[in-house]
C-alpha atoms as a PDB file:
ATOM      1  CA  MET A   1     -28.096 172.571  96.736  1.00  0.00           C
ATOM      2  CA  LYS A   2     -29.033 171.825  93.013  1.00  0.00           C
ATOM      3  CA  THR A   3     -28.667 175.080  91.091  1.00  0.00           C
ATOM      4  CA  ASN A   4     -26.997 175.483  87.686  1.00  0.00           C
ATOM      5  CA  ASN A   5     -24.686 178.135  86.570  1.00  0.00           C
ATOM      6  CA  ASP A   6     -27.426 180.546  85.529  1.00  0.00           C
ATOM      7  CA  ASN A   7     -28.987 180.534  88.835  1.00  0.00           C
ATOM      8  CA  ILE A   8     -25.483 181.010  90.586  1.00  0.00           C
ATOM      9  CA  ASP A   9     -24.853 183.971  88.379  1.00  0.00           C
ATOM     10  CA  LYS A  10     -28.026 185.460  89.065  1.00  0.00           C
ATOM     11  CA  ILE A  11     -27.708 185.169  93.008  1.00  0.00           C
ATOM     12  CA  ILE A  12     -24.109 186.651  92.499  1.00  0.00           C
ATOM     13  CA  LYS A  13     -25.453 189.687  90.613  1.00  0.00           C
ATOM     14  CA  GLU A  14     -28.306 190.327  92.873  1.00  0.00           C
ATOM     15  CA  ALA A  15     -25.837 190.813  95.740  1.00  0.00           C
ATOM     16  CA  LEU A  16     -23.585 193.001  93.700  1.00  0.00           C
ATOM     17  CA  THR A  17     -23.701 196.931  92.967  1.00  0.00           C
ATOM     18  CA  GLN A  18     -24.246 198.085  89.541  1.00  0.00           C
ATOM     19  CA  GLU A  19     -20.648 198.664  89.019  1.00  0.00           C
ATOM     20  CA  GLU A  20     -19.665 195.304  90.109  1.00  0.00           C
ATOM     21  CA  VAL A  21     -22.215 193.739  87.886  1.00  0.00           C
ATOM     22  CA  LYS A  22     -20.749 195.438  84.905  1.00  0.00           C
ATOM     23  CA  PHE A  23     -17.243 194.345  85.818  1.00  0.00           C
ATOM     24  CA  TYR A  24     -18.523 190.711  86.397  1.00  0.00           C
ATOM     25  CA  ASP A  25     -20.276 190.759  83.012  1.00  0.00           C
ATOM     26  CA  GLU A  26     -16.998 191.704  81.262  1.00  0.00           C
ATOM     27  CA  LEU A  27     -15.343 188.420  82.818  1.00  0.00           C
ATOM     28  CA  ASP A  28     -18.083 186.273  81.190  1.00  0.00           C
ATOM     29  CA  GLU A  29     -17.483 183.476  78.853  1.00  0.00           C
ATOM     30  CA  GLN A  30     -16.420 184.183  75.253  1.00  0.00           C
ATOM     31  CA  ASN A  31     -17.544 182.670  71.946  1.00  0.00           C
ATOM     32  CA  LEU A  32     -14.881 181.263  69.554  1.00  0.00           C
ATOM     33  CA  PHE A  33     -14.683 184.607  67.576  1.00  0.00           C
ATOM     34  CA  GLN A  34     -14.170 186.732  70.635  1.00  0.00           C
ATOM     35  CA  MET A  35     -11.418 184.148  71.927  1.00  0.00           C
ATOM     36  CA  PHE A  36      -9.614 184.399  68.602  1.00  0.00           C
ATOM     37  CA  GLY A  37      -9.829 188.139  68.627  1.00  0.00           C
ATOM     38  CA  GLY A  38      -8.505 188.124  72.201  1.00  0.00           C
ATOM     39  CA  LEU A  39      -5.215 186.465  70.841  1.00  0.00           C
ATOM     40  CA  PHE A  40      -4.438 189.784  69.281  1.00  0.00           C
ATOM     41  CA  SER A  41      -4.478 191.754  72.222  1.00  0.00           C
ATOM     42  CA  GLY A  42      -2.056 191.950  74.986  1.00  0.00           C
ATOM     43  CA  LYS A  43       1.774 191.453  75.451  1.00  0.00           C
ATOM     44  CA  LEU A  44       1.770 188.501  72.787  1.00  0.00           C
ATOM     45  CA  ARG A  45       0.090 190.336  69.985  1.00  0.00           C
ATOM     46  CA  TRP A  46       3.264 190.781  67.984  1.00  0.00           C
ATOM     47  CA  LEU A  47       3.884 186.781  68.292  1.00  0.00           C
ATOM     48  CA  MET A  48       0.367 185.812  67.190  1.00  0.00           C
ATOM     49  CA  ILE A  49       0.805 188.191  64.156  1.00  0.00           C
ATOM     50  CA  LEU A  50       3.789 186.637  63.202  1.00  0.00           C
ATOM     51  CA  ILE A  51       2.693 183.163  63.734  1.00  0.00           C
ATOM     52  CA  ASN A  52      -0.242 183.775  61.512  1.00  0.00           C
ATOM     53  CA  ILE A  53       2.062 185.452  58.784  1.00  0.00           C
ATOM     54  CA  VAL A  54       4.322 182.437  59.084  1.00  0.00           C
ATOM     55  CA  MET A  55       1.041 179.932  58.885  1.00  0.00           C
ATOM     56  CA  ILE A  56      -0.006 181.656  55.613  1.00  0.00           C
ATOM     57  CA  ALA A  57       3.452 181.310  54.133  1.00  0.00           C
ATOM     58  CA  TRP A  58       3.511 177.394  55.073  1.00  0.00           C
ATOM     59  CA  PHE A  59       0.068 177.234  53.432  1.00  0.00           C
ATOM     60  CA  VAL A  60       1.456 178.863  50.352  1.00  0.00           C
ATOM     61  CA  LEU A  61       4.133 176.444  50.264  1.00  0.00           C
ATOM     62  CA  PHE A  62       1.802 173.622  50.678  1.00  0.00           C
ATOM     63  CA  ILE A  63      -0.217 174.795  47.665  1.00  0.00           C
ATOM     64  CA  TYR A  64       2.861 175.047  45.638  1.00  0.00           C
ATOM     65  CA  CYS A  65       3.863 171.400  46.660  1.00  0.00           C
ATOM     66  CA  ALA A  66       0.469 170.137  45.726  1.00  0.00           C
ATOM     67  CA  ILE A  67       0.563 171.690  42.162  1.00  0.00           C
ATOM     68  CA  GLU A  68       3.961 170.519  41.750  1.00  0.00           C
ATOM     69  CA  PHE A  69       2.943 166.912  42.899  1.00  0.00           C
ATOM     70  CA  PHE A  70       0.217 166.686  40.426  1.00  0.00           C
ATOM     71  CA  ASN A  71       2.612 167.902  37.644  1.00  0.00           C
ATOM     72  CA  ALA A  72       5.445 165.404  38.664  1.00  0.00           C
ATOM     73  CA  GLU A  73       6.034 162.685  36.258  1.00  0.00           C
ATOM     74  CA  ASP A  74       8.636 160.286  38.022  1.00  0.00           C
ATOM     75  CA  THR A  75       8.440 159.030  41.450  1.00  0.00           C
ATOM     76  CA  LYS A  76      11.483 160.661  43.100  1.00  0.00           C
ATOM     77  CA  GLU A  77       9.519 164.020  42.444  1.00  0.00           C
ATOM     78  CA  LEU A  78       6.215 162.715  43.602  1.00  0.00           C
ATOM     79  CA  ILE A  79       7.900 161.641  46.889  1.00  0.00           C
ATOM     80  CA  LYS A  80       9.722 165.064  47.303  1.00  0.00           C
ATOM     81  CA  TRP A  81       6.727 166.974  46.728  1.00  0.00           C
ATOM     82  CA  SER A  82       4.625 164.918  49.013  1.00  0.00           C
ATOM     83  CA  VAL A  83       7.226 164.812  51.792  1.00  0.00           C
ATOM     84  CA  ILE A  84       7.574 168.639  51.601  1.00  0.00           C
ATOM     85  CA  GLY A  85       3.786 169.062  51.584  1.00  0.00           C
ATOM     86  CA  PHE A  86       3.474 166.928  54.463  1.00  0.00           C
ATOM     87  CA  PHE A  87       5.877 168.747  56.601  1.00  0.00           C
ATOM     88  CA  SER A  88       4.312 172.048  55.713  1.00  0.00           C
ATOM     89  CA  MET A  89       0.696 170.707  56.766  1.00  0.00           C
ATOM     90  CA  MET A  90       2.521 169.446  60.027  1.00  0.00           C
ATOM     91  CA  ALA A  91       4.034 173.093  60.788  1.00  0.00           C
ATOM     92  CA  ILE A  92       0.591 174.580  60.163  1.00  0.00           C
ATOM     93  CA  GLY A  93      -0.873 172.211  62.514  1.00  0.00           C
ATOM     94  CA  LEU A  94       1.553 172.691  65.333  1.00  0.00           C
ATOM     95  CA  LEU A  95       1.136 176.546  64.989  1.00  0.00           C
ATOM     96  CA  LYS A  96      -2.595 176.255  65.228  1.00  0.00           C
ATOM     97  CA  LEU A  97      -2.099 174.045  68.075  1.00  0.00           C
ATOM     98  CA  PHE A  98      -0.134 177.009  69.905  1.00  0.00           C
ATOM     99  CA  ALA A  99      -2.692 179.310  68.939  1.00  0.00           C
ATOM    100  CA  TRP A 100      -5.492 177.046  70.450  1.00  0.00           C
ATOM    101  CA  MET A 101      -3.365 176.602  73.728  1.00  0.00           C
ATOM    102  CA  GLN A 102      -3.118 180.366  74.033  1.00  0.00           C
ATOM    103  CA  MET A 103      -6.914 180.748  73.738  1.00  0.00           C
ATOM    104  CA  ASP A 104      -7.314 177.958  76.548  1.00  0.00           C
ATOM    105  CA  LYS A 105      -4.968 179.833  78.692  1.00  0.00           C
ATOM    106  CA  ASN A 106      -6.821 183.167  78.289  1.00  0.00           C
ATOM    107  CA  ALA A 107     -10.041 181.304  79.267  1.00  0.00           C
ATOM    108  CA  ILE A 108      -8.593 179.935  82.344  1.00  0.00           C
ATOM    109  CA  ILE A 109      -7.039 183.354  83.320  1.00  0.00           C
ATOM    110  CA  ARG A 110     -10.440 184.898  82.798  1.00  0.00           C
ATOM    111  CA  GLU A 111     -12.054 181.980  85.272  1.00  0.00           C
ATOM    112  CA  LEU A 112      -9.317 182.954  87.738  1.00  0.00           C
ATOM    113  CA  LYS A 113     -10.234 186.382  87.551  1.00  0.00           C
ATOM    114  CA  ARG A 114     -13.856 185.899  88.098  1.00  0.00           C
ATOM    115  CA  LEU A 115     -12.857 183.527  91.395  1.00  0.00           C
ATOM    116  CA  GLU A 116     -10.709 186.052  92.623  1.00  0.00           C
ATOM    117  CA  TYR A 117     -13.470 188.985  92.204  1.00  0.00           C
ATOM    118  CA  GLN A 118     -16.094 186.595  93.980  1.00  0.00           C
ATOM    119  CA  VAL A 119     -13.418 185.911  96.766  1.00  0.00           C
ATOM    120  CA  SER A 120     -12.459 189.571  97.255  1.00  0.00           C
ATOM    121  CA  LEU A 121     -16.293 190.542  97.319  1.00  0.00           C
ATOM    122  CA  LEU A 122     -16.869 187.969  99.961  1.00  0.00           C
ATOM    123  CA  SER A 123     -13.958 188.883 102.068  1.00  0.00           C
ATOM    124  CA  SER A 124     -15.108 192.516 101.914  1.00  0.00           C
ATOM    125  CA  LYS A 125     -18.697 191.614 102.923  1.00  0.00           C
ATOM    126  CA  LEU A 126     -17.434 189.411 105.911  1.00  0.00           C
ATOM    127  CA  SER A 127     -15.016 192.041 107.181  1.00  0.00           C
ATOM    128  CA  LYS A 128     -18.032 194.482 107.499  1.00  0.00           C
END
């Protein structure tokens, strides 16, 4: 049977009650801004706030290093400021990677909930 996801979702919604459709729609895919907002809800909210504060601090350090790099006159200072700036950008990248992994984890959990919901509906209809 060759149907795409929209047709499958339509078939599922036709078989559900109004309350079940509302719950099913809440589990729908999110756009990037909704996924980013989802990082600041739940049990790890405090950690994401802390990570963003640390990320801002690393970025301020990078800006300071860039200014000092362009004001430096000898090679030793150039190397020092460029290395510190490089490590600050690496730290920012790693913190952003952690945030993206959390967004991916939340998307996978949402899909698992959709599957669990569909299986529970199927099993309840089969037991009748």
